[in-house]
Each structure stands twice: as C-alpha cells, then as structure tokens.
Amino acid sequence: MRELTNIVGIILIVFGVATLGYQHFTHSVPEKAIEKNHVKACLEIPKKSIFPPFFEGSALVAGVILVVIAKMINKK
C-alpha cells in the first residue's frame, strides 16, 4: 500500500510540475472534408488544449500529500 501511494504521489508531482512548465499541448483532429461515392477526404486540423492552472496546482498538491502519507505509513 505504501509503495503504491508513493508511486502515485510521485507521478502526480511530476505531472503537476510538467504542466506548470508547459501549459498547453497541440493535437490534431480529423475532420471530414469531402465524401463522394466511395472516396473520402479528411483534413487534420491542429487543436490546442490548455491545462487549467487549478488542475496543475491540484495535481502537485495531491502528489505532495500522497508522498507525505506514504512516509507516515512507513514510520508506523
């Protein structure tokens, strides 16, 4: 239990720090452009998604709390 709590906490800390440093990511979404008979043409449209600051901070705080809890479990 302690190891799982520690691992999840570390993952959340890394994710929180990474999203604080890099606040958006770009991905492409296929969109149907033309469909005639059996021929289809699609466009790949780039979209930018933004991580909300509340989400970034929450992940970081939750990760720190889980690591602290894991250390407290280890002392008992």
C-alpha atoms as a PDB file:
ATOM      1  CA  MET A   1       0.000   0.000   0.000  1.00  0.00           C
ATOM      2  CA  ARG A   2       2.803   2.395   0.904  1.00  0.00           C
ATOM      3  CA  GLU A   3       4.654   1.750  -2.359  1.00  0.00           C
ATOM      4  CA  LEU A   4       1.530   2.354  -4.460  1.00  0.00           C
ATOM      5  CA  THR A   5       0.757   5.586  -2.587  1.00  0.00           C
ATOM      6  CA  ASN A   6       4.336   6.760  -3.063  1.00  0.00           C
ATOM      7  CA  ILE A   7       4.377   5.932  -6.791  1.00  0.00           C
ATOM      8  CA  VAL A   8       1.042   7.665  -7.463  1.00  0.00           C
ATOM      9  CA  GLY A   9       2.220  10.681  -5.464  1.00  0.00           C
ATOM     10  CA  ILE A  10       5.444  10.954  -7.446  1.00  0.00           C
ATOM     11  CA  ILE A  11       3.561  10.616 -10.742  1.00  0.00           C
ATOM     12  CA  LEU A  12       1.194  13.415  -9.698  1.00  0.00           C
ATOM     13  CA  ILE A  13       4.109  15.642  -8.671  1.00  0.00           C
ATOM     14  CA  VAL A  14       5.889  15.097 -11.990  1.00  0.00           C
ATOM     15  CA  PHE A  15       2.646  15.719 -13.910  1.00  0.00           C
ATOM     16  CA  GLY A  16       1.916  18.882 -11.907  1.00  0.00           C
ATOM     17  CA  VAL A  17       5.402  20.317 -12.443  1.00  0.00           C
ATOM     18  CA  ALA A  18       5.371  19.401 -16.148  1.00  0.00           C
ATOM     19  CA  THR A  19       2.005  21.063 -16.743  1.00  0.00           C
ATOM     20  CA  LEU A  20       3.064  24.171 -14.842  1.00  0.00           C
ATOM     21  CA  GLY A  21       6.043  24.497 -17.159  1.00  0.00           C
ATOM     22  CA  TYR A  22       4.230  23.515 -20.342  1.00  0.00           C
ATOM     23  CA  GLN A  23       0.651  24.743 -20.047  1.00  0.00           C
ATOM     24  CA  HIS A  24      -0.788  23.559 -23.373  1.00  0.00           C
ATOM     25  CA  PHE A  25      -0.478  20.740 -25.847  1.00  0.00           C
ATOM     26  CA  THR A  26      -1.357  20.509 -29.520  1.00  0.00           C
ATOM     27  CA  HIS A  27      -3.112  17.561 -31.103  1.00  0.00           C
ATOM     28  CA  SER A  28      -4.744  17.028 -34.458  1.00  0.00           C
ATOM     29  CA  VAL A  29      -8.393  16.214 -35.009  1.00  0.00           C
ATOM     30  CA  PRO A  30      -9.556  14.602 -38.255  1.00  0.00           C
ATOM     31  CA  GLU A  31     -12.408  16.425 -39.937  1.00  0.00           C
ATOM     32  CA  LYS A  32     -14.325  15.120 -42.914  1.00  0.00           C
ATOM     33  CA  ALA A  33     -13.844  17.439 -45.872  1.00  0.00           C
ATOM     34  CA  ILE A  34     -15.310  15.673 -48.905  1.00  0.00           C
ATOM     35  CA  GLU A  35     -17.166  12.407 -49.426  1.00  0.00           C
ATOM     36  CA  LYS A  36     -18.079  11.468 -52.985  1.00  0.00           C
ATOM     37  CA  ASN A  37     -19.145   7.923 -53.925  1.00  0.00           C
ATOM     38  CA  HIS A  38     -16.561   5.700 -52.201  1.00  0.00           C
ATOM     39  CA  VAL A  39     -13.839   8.346 -51.928  1.00  0.00           C
ATOM     40  CA  LYS A  40     -13.357  10.219 -48.676  1.00  0.00           C
ATOM     41  CA  ALA A  41     -11.006  13.104 -47.998  1.00  0.00           C
ATOM     42  CA  CYS A  42     -10.158  14.200 -44.469  1.00  0.00           C
ATOM     43  CA  LEU A  43      -8.277  17.148 -43.079  1.00  0.00           C
ATOM     44  CA  GLU A  44      -6.082  17.018 -39.993  1.00  0.00           C
ATOM     45  CA  ILE A  45      -6.839  20.218 -38.086  1.00  0.00           C
ATOM     46  CA  PRO A  46      -4.445  21.129 -35.258  1.00  0.00           C
ATOM     47  CA  LYS A  47      -6.149  21.992 -31.968  1.00  0.00           C
ATOM     48  CA  LYS A  48      -4.578  23.497 -28.862  1.00  0.00           C
ATOM     49  CA  SER A  49      -5.725  22.268 -25.453  1.00  0.00           C
ATOM     50  CA  ILE A  50      -4.865  24.202 -22.301  1.00  0.00           C
ATOM     51  CA  PHE A  51      -4.404  22.791 -18.804  1.00  0.00           C
ATOM     52  CA  PRO A  52      -6.273  24.960 -16.281  1.00  0.00           C
ATOM     53  CA  PRO A  53      -3.994  26.386 -13.545  1.00  0.00           C
ATOM     54  CA  PHE A  54      -6.270  24.926 -10.859  1.00  0.00           C
ATOM     55  CA  PHE A  55      -5.753  21.430 -12.303  1.00  0.00           C
ATOM     56  CA  GLU A  56      -1.975  21.870 -12.390  1.00  0.00           C
ATOM     57  CA  GLY A  57      -1.766  23.061  -8.796  1.00  0.00           C
ATOM     58  CA  SER A  58      -4.198  20.422  -7.566  1.00  0.00           C
ATOM     59  CA  ALA A  59      -2.133  17.620  -9.103  1.00  0.00           C
ATOM     60  CA  LEU A  60       1.023  18.989  -7.487  1.00  0.00           C
ATOM     61  CA  VAL A  61      -0.570  19.394  -4.034  1.00  0.00           C
ATOM     62  CA  ALA A  62      -2.239  15.968  -4.187  1.00  0.00           C
ATOM     63  CA  GLY A  63       1.085  14.364  -5.130  1.00  0.00           C
ATOM     64  CA  VAL A  64       2.882  16.001  -2.202  1.00  0.00           C
ATOM     65  CA  ILE A  65       0.119  14.915   0.187  1.00  0.00           C
ATOM     66  CA  LEU A  66       0.304  11.310  -1.050  1.00  0.00           C
ATOM     67  CA  VAL A  67       4.107  11.204  -0.654  1.00  0.00           C
ATOM     68  CA  VAL A  68       3.804  12.592   2.893  1.00  0.00           C
ATOM     69  CA  ILE A  69       1.127   9.995   3.722  1.00  0.00           C
ATOM     70  CA  ALA A  70       3.366   7.237   2.326  1.00  0.00           C
ATOM     71  CA  LYS A  71       6.220   8.387   4.544  1.00  0.00           C
ATOM     72  CA  MET A  72       3.911   8.477   7.589  1.00  0.00           C
ATOM     73  CA  ILE A  73       2.743   4.912   6.847  1.00  0.00           C
ATOM     74  CA  ASN A  74       6.394   3.853   6.643  1.00  0.00           C
ATOM     75  CA  LYS A  75       7.136   5.185  10.168  1.00  0.00           C
ATOM     76  CA  LYS A  76       4.423   3.077  11.799  1.00  0.00           C
END
